[in-house]
């Protein structure tokens, strides 16, 4: 058995779920989904501050910094494209 469980459903909550109608379950799961989506959307990164922080690392020159920022921007643009297409 895997030691990494993540969320473990308590027995009492499981029993409540079993008693719910389809509509009640849909409402609960929709609420949980929206709470998770809001917490993910709240995260933002200031690219200028990130660039300054990475630039302060000893041994990172301007060329390497440009390469690193290009990779970061490509990942961010992929995530935005994925979110836009998932609606």
Foldseek 3Di string as FASTA:
>chain_A
DDPDDDDDDDPVVVVVVVPDDPVVVVVVVVVVVVVVVVVVVVDDDDLVVVLVVVCPDPPQDPVNSVVVSVVVVVVVVVVVVVVVVVD
